[in-house]
Amino acid sequence: MHERSGSTLKVFGAPEKRDRITAVWKSGVADERRSQLAEIRPIRLSVEQRRQADQVEAATREYLLGKMRRLGLAEDSLLALPKVHYERRKKGKKGEGGTFSPSTNIAIAFRHNDFFDTLKVVPHELSHASVSSEVHFYFPEEEPQELTIVRASGMEFIENRRRQGVGIEEGMTLLDEVDFYTTYMPDNFPTQYQRRREFAASDAIKKQYEQIDQSLYGPLDPEIVAPVISLYRPLPRLLKRFDVPQSATIATVTMLKEYLFIRKLCEIVGRNVSEGKDFPTVDAEEAIRIGRDILDRDRYKRTGSARKDIVVALGEENAKKIFQLRDHDEDGIDDAMRVLIQVQNKN
């Protein structure tokens, strides 16, 4: 069975169907997995690329294992971490680095012009794959044949049959992605890592993030921007050159905003929790670490305790706005960040 050990199935409105639904669901997952695997269009990796991919996947598992041990969490959810498939980007997936299906436990990294950018996707998708999840089946009494299925993973939760907290969960995977990038990549891919650091300070990149309101998101120094830089071939004369600033771009501005948003949310939660306790006065990075640990534990335990901490830190109405943020939400991310800044300024 490929369903992860951290998944929970719940049936509402039809108690007599629960056992059968569970059996049918697991059978359906197996069928869906076979179907998804058959649709994958794998890219051909060279021997060196395959070695690098295996190396990054193994290191990501060790990174996640180390994090869970530090947080005092059970490690069983890592037993079912999938191998990553490397695929051509599908139509309609523009701007996405990869994808993960929680029901079929299939992780995919899409091909980028520079293979290093493909490898950067691995910790993001395996972070998604490592967390606990649940599936709700709803059978309304008036229409017992109508079935609604809702799934939530990590910091997501289900309320009124809708998935909430999607933007928060996406942000948490970005924290893992950037963590892995800054701790593993410098020693193992020094040339690619240094190149992105240099490009992050270039005028070509600075022009791209001028559209980000730094009075809202804070100063964008090269260390923050470098992990979200991708390389591409913009002009025929640069066809084989990845060593000029004009070959660099911010993967997506929204991704950078999501990363800054989740850091700010963790900081506010961390400061709120540390107030009145035996913590010394904490700086921003320590507050982020405290808040992140609180949210990370709940990604695996799914007790809802971190959600309560967010409500306490932000207030109920503000928390509702934050929980409604979606993934890649270009319209909502600025509003969500304004909510956090307003809360921070009041404290």
Protein backbone atom coordinates (compact mmCIF):
# COMPACT_ATOMS: atom_id res chain seq x y z
CA MET A 1 0.00 0.00 0.00
CA HIS A 2 1.40 3.39 -1.00
CA GLU A 3 -0.84 5.50 1.23
CA ARG A 4 1.44 7.10 3.82
CA SER A 5 1.39 5.93 7.41
CA GLY A 6 0.50 9.46 8.51
CA SER A 7 -2.84 9.51 6.66
CA THR A 8 -6.21 9.31 8.43
CA LEU A 9 -9.56 8.56 6.77
CA LYS A 10 -12.81 9.92 8.24
CA VAL A 11 -16.35 9.28 6.99
CA PHE A 12 -19.23 11.63 7.88
CA GLY A 13 -22.93 11.00 7.43
CA ALA A 14 -22.86 7.32 6.53
CA PRO A 15 -21.54 5.18 9.42
CA GLU A 16 -22.68 1.96 7.77
CA LYS A 17 -20.39 2.70 4.82
CA ARG A 18 -17.20 3.45 6.70
CA ASP A 19 -15.50 0.07 6.41
CA ARG A 20 -16.45 -0.27 2.77
CA ILE A 21 -15.39 3.29 1.93
CA THR A 22 -12.01 2.75 3.53
CA ALA A 23 -11.46 -0.44 1.52
CA VAL A 24 -12.66 1.12 -1.74
CA TRP A 25 -10.55 4.23 -1.16
CA LYS A 26 -7.37 2.24 -0.67
CA SER A 27 -8.13 0.17 -3.76
CA GLY A 28 -8.85 3.34 -5.72
CA VAL A 29 -5.60 4.89 -4.56
CA ALA A 30 -3.69 1.92 -5.95
CA ASP A 31 -5.49 2.28 -9.31
CA GLU A 32 -4.89 6.05 -9.37
CA ARG A 33 -1.23 5.55 -8.58
CA ARG A 34 -0.80 3.18 -11.51
CA SER A 35 -2.59 5.69 -13.74
CA GLN A 36 -0.44 8.62 -12.62
CA LEU A 37 2.77 6.66 -13.03
CA ALA A 38 1.74 5.70 -16.57
CA GLU A 39 1.21 9.38 -17.45
CA ILE A 40 4.66 10.54 -16.30
CA ARG A 41 6.90 11.69 -19.15
CA PRO A 42 10.35 11.14 -17.63
CA ILE A 43 13.34 13.13 -18.76
CA ARG A 44 16.51 11.27 -19.63
CA LEU A 45 19.14 11.86 -16.98
CA SER A 46 22.82 11.47 -17.62
CA VAL A 47 24.83 9.24 -15.31
CA GLU A 48 26.11 12.32 -13.48
CA GLN A 49 22.63 13.85 -13.17
CA ARG A 50 21.27 10.57 -11.80
CA ARG A 51 24.08 10.50 -9.25
CA GLN A 52 23.35 14.09 -8.23
CA ALA A 53 19.61 13.39 -7.97
CA ASP A 54 20.15 10.33 -5.77
CA GLN A 55 22.58 12.32 -3.65
CA VAL A 56 20.13 15.19 -3.09
CA GLU A 57 17.22 12.84 -2.34
CA ALA A 58 19.26 10.94 0.24
CA ALA A 59 20.49 14.18 1.83
CA THR A 60 16.93 15.53 1.96
CA ARG A 61 15.80 12.43 3.84
CA GLU A 62 18.62 12.95 6.33
CA TYR A 63 17.68 16.61 6.69
CA LEU A 64 14.02 15.77 7.41
CA LEU A 65 15.05 12.96 9.76
CA GLY A 66 17.30 15.31 11.69
CA LYS A 67 14.54 17.89 11.97
CA MET A 68 12.02 15.36 13.27
CA ARG A 69 14.48 14.01 15.83
CA ARG A 70 15.22 17.54 17.04
CA LEU A 71 11.48 18.16 17.42
CA GLY A 72 10.97 14.87 19.26
CA LEU A 73 8.68 13.46 16.58
CA ALA A 74 8.11 9.88 15.47
CA GLU A 75 9.96 9.08 12.29
CA ASP A 76 7.54 6.57 10.78
CA SER A 77 6.18 9.04 8.21
CA LEU A 78 9.63 9.10 6.57
CA LEU A 79 9.50 5.37 5.89
CA ALA A 80 7.14 5.94 2.98
CA LEU A 81 8.93 8.93 1.44
CA PRO A 82 8.77 8.38 -2.32
CA LYS A 83 11.52 8.42 -4.89
CA VAL A 84 11.25 11.58 -6.96
CA HIS A 85 10.32 11.37 -10.64
CA TYR A 86 11.94 13.87 -13.01
CA GLU A 87 9.55 14.93 -15.73
CA ARG A 88 8.92 17.44 -18.49
CA ARG A 89 6.66 20.22 -17.29
CA LYS A 90 3.03 19.49 -18.16
CA LYS A 91 0.80 21.98 -19.94
CA GLY A 92 -0.86 24.24 -17.40
CA LYS A 93 1.96 23.80 -14.86
CA LYS A 94 3.88 26.94 -15.84
CA GLY A 95 5.61 28.48 -12.85
CA GLU A 96 5.44 25.27 -10.80
CA GLY A 97 8.71 23.61 -9.87
CA GLY A 98 7.15 20.25 -9.11
CA THR A 99 4.15 18.52 -7.62
CA PHE A 100 3.24 15.97 -4.97
CA SER A 101 0.11 13.82 -4.78
CA PRO A 102 -0.63 12.97 -1.12
CA SER A 103 -3.08 10.21 -1.98
CA THR A 104 -0.83 8.31 -4.38
CA ASN A 105 2.46 9.37 -2.74
CA ILE A 106 4.03 10.43 -6.03
CA ALA A 107 6.56 13.29 -6.07
CA ILE A 108 7.61 14.94 -9.32
CA ALA A 109 10.28 17.54 -10.06
CA PHE A 110 9.78 19.30 -13.39
CA ARG A 111 12.69 19.85 -15.74
CA HIS A 112 14.39 23.25 -15.65
CA ASN A 113 16.93 24.66 -18.09
CA ASP A 114 19.60 24.28 -15.43
CA PHE A 115 19.54 20.88 -13.70
CA PHE A 116 20.53 22.48 -10.40
CA ASP A 117 17.15 24.26 -10.43
CA THR A 118 15.48 20.88 -10.92
CA LEU A 119 17.32 19.52 -7.88
CA LYS A 120 16.22 22.50 -5.75
CA VAL A 121 12.64 21.24 -6.06
CA VAL A 122 13.41 17.91 -4.33
CA PRO A 123 13.38 19.10 -0.68
CA HIS A 124 10.20 21.10 -1.33
CA GLU A 125 8.23 18.11 -2.61
CA LEU A 126 9.65 15.67 -0.05
CA SER A 127 8.73 18.13 2.71
CA HIS A 128 5.14 17.88 1.46
CA ALA A 129 5.47 14.10 1.37
CA SER A 130 6.77 13.80 4.94
CA VAL A 131 3.83 15.35 6.81
CA SER A 132 0.62 13.80 8.13
CA SER A 133 -2.68 14.19 6.32
CA GLU A 134 -6.34 13.27 6.53
CA VAL A 135 -9.17 12.63 4.10
CA HIS A 136 -12.82 13.44 4.86
CA PHE A 137 -15.73 11.74 3.09
CA TYR A 138 -19.08 13.52 3.39
CA PHE A 139 -22.40 11.77 2.65
CA PRO A 140 -25.26 14.25 3.07
CA GLU A 141 -28.38 12.60 4.51
CA GLU A 142 -30.66 14.14 1.91
CA GLU A 143 -28.53 12.89 -1.00
CA PRO A 144 -26.73 9.77 0.26
CA GLN A 145 -25.32 9.06 -3.18
CA GLU A 146 -23.56 12.44 -3.36
CA LEU A 147 -20.05 12.15 -2.02
CA THR A 148 -17.70 15.03 -1.21
CA ILE A 149 -14.02 14.28 -0.60
CA VAL A 150 -11.70 16.82 1.04
CA ARG A 151 -8.05 16.24 1.85
CA ALA A 152 -5.73 18.26 4.10
CA SER A 153 -2.03 17.85 4.83
CA GLY A 154 0.42 19.35 7.32
CA MET A 155 -0.76 22.75 8.53
CA GLU A 156 -3.89 22.55 6.40
CA PHE A 157 -7.21 21.78 8.06
CA ILE A 158 -10.78 21.14 6.97
CA GLU A 159 -13.56 23.52 7.96
CA ASN A 160 -17.06 23.57 6.46
CA ARG A 161 -15.87 20.96 3.99
CA ARG A 162 -13.19 23.32 2.68
CA ARG A 163 -9.42 23.10 2.91
CA GLN A 164 -7.91 25.95 4.92
CA GLY A 165 -4.33 26.86 5.79
CA VAL A 166 -3.03 26.02 2.31
CA GLY A 167 -0.78 29.08 2.08
CA ILE A 168 0.71 28.35 5.49
CA GLU A 169 1.57 24.75 4.57
CA GLU A 170 3.13 25.89 1.32
CA GLY A 171 5.19 28.42 3.24
CA MET A 172 6.45 25.73 5.62
CA THR A 173 7.73 23.65 2.69
CA LEU A 174 9.52 26.74 1.40
CA LEU A 175 11.29 27.05 4.76
CA ASP A 176 12.51 23.48 4.39
CA GLU A 177 13.53 24.12 0.79
CA VAL A 178 15.56 27.22 1.65
CA ASP A 179 17.05 25.59 4.76
CA PHE A 180 18.31 22.68 2.69
CA TYR A 181 19.58 25.04 -0.01
CA THR A 182 21.64 27.14 2.39
CA THR A 183 23.05 24.24 4.44
CA TYR A 184 23.66 21.53 1.83
CA MET A 185 24.17 23.20 -1.53
CA PRO A 186 27.24 25.41 -0.72
CA ASP A 187 29.46 22.39 0.00
CA ASN A 188 28.07 20.06 -2.64
CA PHE A 189 27.29 22.46 -5.50
CA PRO A 190 29.60 25.38 -4.74
CA THR A 191 29.75 26.81 -8.27
CA GLN A 192 25.98 26.91 -8.78
CA TYR A 193 25.41 28.22 -5.26
CA GLN A 194 27.97 31.03 -5.57
CA ARG A 195 26.69 32.01 -9.00
CA ARG A 196 23.20 32.58 -7.63
CA ARG A 197 24.54 34.61 -4.74
CA GLU A 198 26.34 36.87 -7.19
CA PHE A 199 23.34 37.18 -9.48
CA ALA A 200 21.08 38.03 -6.51
CA ALA A 201 23.11 41.20 -6.03
CA SER A 202 23.05 42.15 -9.73
CA ASP A 203 21.04 45.01 -11.22
CA ALA A 204 19.27 42.52 -13.50
CA ILE A 205 17.72 40.74 -10.51
CA LYS A 206 17.12 43.90 -8.48
CA LYS A 207 14.92 45.21 -11.30
CA GLN A 208 12.76 42.10 -10.99
CA TYR A 209 12.03 42.50 -7.31
CA GLU A 210 11.39 46.23 -7.49
CA GLN A 211 7.74 45.24 -7.87
CA ILE A 212 7.83 43.87 -4.31
CA ASP A 213 6.85 46.47 -1.73
CA GLN A 214 9.85 46.39 0.60
CA SER A 215 8.08 48.64 3.09
CA LEU A 216 5.74 45.67 3.50
CA TYR A 217 8.04 42.68 3.02
CA GLY A 218 11.23 44.16 4.40
CA PRO A 219 14.64 44.64 2.75
CA LEU A 220 15.51 42.04 0.12
CA ASP A 221 19.18 41.35 0.58
CA PRO A 222 20.93 38.86 -1.75
CA GLU A 223 20.97 36.07 0.88
CA ILE A 224 17.16 36.05 0.90
CA VAL A 225 16.74 36.30 -2.87
CA ALA A 226 19.42 33.79 -3.97
CA PRO A 227 17.49 30.57 -3.11
CA VAL A 228 14.58 31.49 -5.42
CA ILE A 229 16.72 32.37 -8.44
CA SER A 230 16.45 30.19 -11.54
CA LEU A 231 18.63 30.26 -14.64
CA TYR A 232 17.42 30.18 -18.21
CA ARG A 233 18.54 30.99 -21.75
CA PRO A 234 17.05 34.36 -22.68
CA LEU A 235 18.80 35.12 -25.98
CA PRO A 236 20.33 33.06 -28.83
CA ARG A 237 23.74 34.62 -28.26
CA LEU A 238 23.60 33.42 -24.65
CA LEU A 239 22.34 29.97 -25.65
CA LYS A 240 25.01 28.05 -23.76
CA ARG A 241 25.81 30.62 -21.10
CA PHE A 242 24.52 30.50 -17.55
CA ASP A 243 27.29 32.73 -16.25
CA VAL A 244 25.78 36.16 -16.93
CA PRO A 245 23.18 37.99 -14.82
CA GLN A 246 20.85 38.22 -17.82
CA SER A 247 20.41 34.43 -17.62
CA ALA A 248 18.93 34.68 -14.12
CA THR A 249 15.39 35.30 -12.96
CA ILE A 250 13.41 35.08 -9.74
CA ALA A 251 11.50 31.80 -10.10
CA THR A 252 8.27 33.57 -9.22
CA VAL A 253 7.79 36.78 -7.30
CA THR A 254 4.87 35.16 -5.49
CA MET A 255 7.15 32.38 -4.20
CA LEU A 256 9.52 34.95 -2.74
CA LYS A 257 6.58 36.72 -1.11
CA GLU A 258 5.30 33.41 0.32
CA TYR A 259 8.69 32.75 1.86
CA LEU A 260 8.83 36.19 3.48
CA PHE A 261 5.22 35.82 4.63
CA ILE A 262 5.79 32.52 6.45
CA ARG A 263 8.90 33.90 8.14
CA LYS A 264 6.88 36.83 9.44
CA LEU A 265 4.06 34.56 10.65
CA CYS A 266 6.54 32.33 12.49
CA GLU A 267 8.18 35.39 14.02
CA ILE A 268 4.88 36.73 15.37
CA VAL A 269 3.83 33.33 16.75
CA GLY A 270 7.29 32.79 18.25
CA ARG A 271 7.32 36.15 19.99
CA ASN A 272 3.81 35.71 21.30
CA VAL A 273 4.56 32.27 22.75
CA SER A 274 7.83 33.42 24.33
CA GLU A 275 6.27 36.42 26.10
CA GLY A 276 5.77 35.88 29.81
CA LYS A 277 7.76 32.64 29.80
CA ASP A 278 11.29 31.81 30.79
CA PHE A 279 12.66 33.01 27.46
CA PRO A 280 15.17 35.81 27.20
CA THR A 281 14.29 38.68 24.89
CA VAL A 282 14.50 37.10 21.46
CA ASP A 283 15.67 38.60 18.19
CA ALA A 284 13.79 38.10 14.93
CA GLU A 285 15.63 34.94 13.86
CA GLU A 286 15.15 33.25 17.23
CA ALA A 287 11.45 34.18 17.22
CA ILE A 288 11.15 32.68 13.74
CA ARG A 289 12.80 29.46 14.95
CA ILE A 290 10.44 29.20 17.94
CA GLY A 291 7.35 29.84 15.83
CA ARG A 292 8.49 27.52 13.07
CA ASP A 293 9.07 24.65 15.51
CA ILE A 294 5.54 25.11 16.85
CA LEU A 295 4.04 24.96 13.37
CA ASP A 296 6.33 22.15 12.22
CA ARG A 297 5.34 19.85 15.10
CA ASP A 298 1.69 20.28 14.19
CA ARG A 299 2.39 19.46 10.55
CA TYR A 300 3.14 15.93 11.76
CA LYS A 301 0.94 15.59 14.84
CA ARG A 302 -2.10 17.46 13.43
CA THR A 303 -3.54 18.25 16.86
CA GLY A 304 -4.53 21.79 15.87
CA SER A 305 -2.40 23.28 18.64
CA ALA A 306 -0.40 25.46 16.25
CA ARG A 307 -3.61 26.78 14.74
CA LYS A 308 -4.70 27.86 18.21
CA ASP A 309 -1.36 29.61 18.71
CA ILE A 310 -1.91 31.51 15.45
CA VAL A 311 -5.38 32.60 16.58
CA VAL A 312 -4.01 33.78 19.94
CA ALA A 313 -1.16 35.67 18.26
CA LEU A 314 -3.24 37.32 15.51
CA GLY A 315 -6.76 37.46 16.87
CA GLU A 316 -9.61 35.38 15.48
CA GLU A 317 -10.61 37.63 12.56
CA ASN A 318 -7.05 38.16 11.39
CA ALA A 319 -6.30 34.45 11.71
CA LYS A 320 -9.29 33.62 9.48
CA LYS A 321 -7.84 35.84 6.75
CA ILE A 322 -4.49 34.11 7.01
CA PHE A 323 -6.04 30.63 6.94
CA GLN A 324 -7.82 31.51 3.67
CA LEU A 325 -4.56 32.22 1.82
CA ARG A 326 -4.06 29.80 -1.08
CA ASP A 327 -0.93 28.48 -2.75
CA HIS A 328 0.48 30.81 -5.46
CA ASP A 329 -2.14 33.36 -4.41
CA GLU A 330 -0.90 36.45 -6.25
CA ASP A 331 -3.88 38.55 -5.15
CA GLY A 332 -4.07 37.35 -1.55
CA ILE A 333 -0.44 37.28 -0.47
CA ASP A 334 -0.06 41.08 -0.16
CA ASP A 335 -3.26 41.33 1.87
CA ALA A 336 -2.11 38.51 4.14
CA MET A 337 1.23 40.22 4.70
CA ARG A 338 -0.52 43.50 5.55
CA VAL A 339 -2.49 41.68 8.22
CA LEU A 340 0.73 40.41 9.80
CA ILE A 341 2.42 43.81 9.70
CA GLN A 342 -0.62 45.45 11.28
CA VAL A 343 -0.57 42.89 14.10
CA GLN A 344 3.15 43.33 14.59
CA ASN A 345 2.88 47.11 14.74
CA LYS A 346 0.18 46.93 17.42
CA ASN A 347 2.31 44.75 19.69
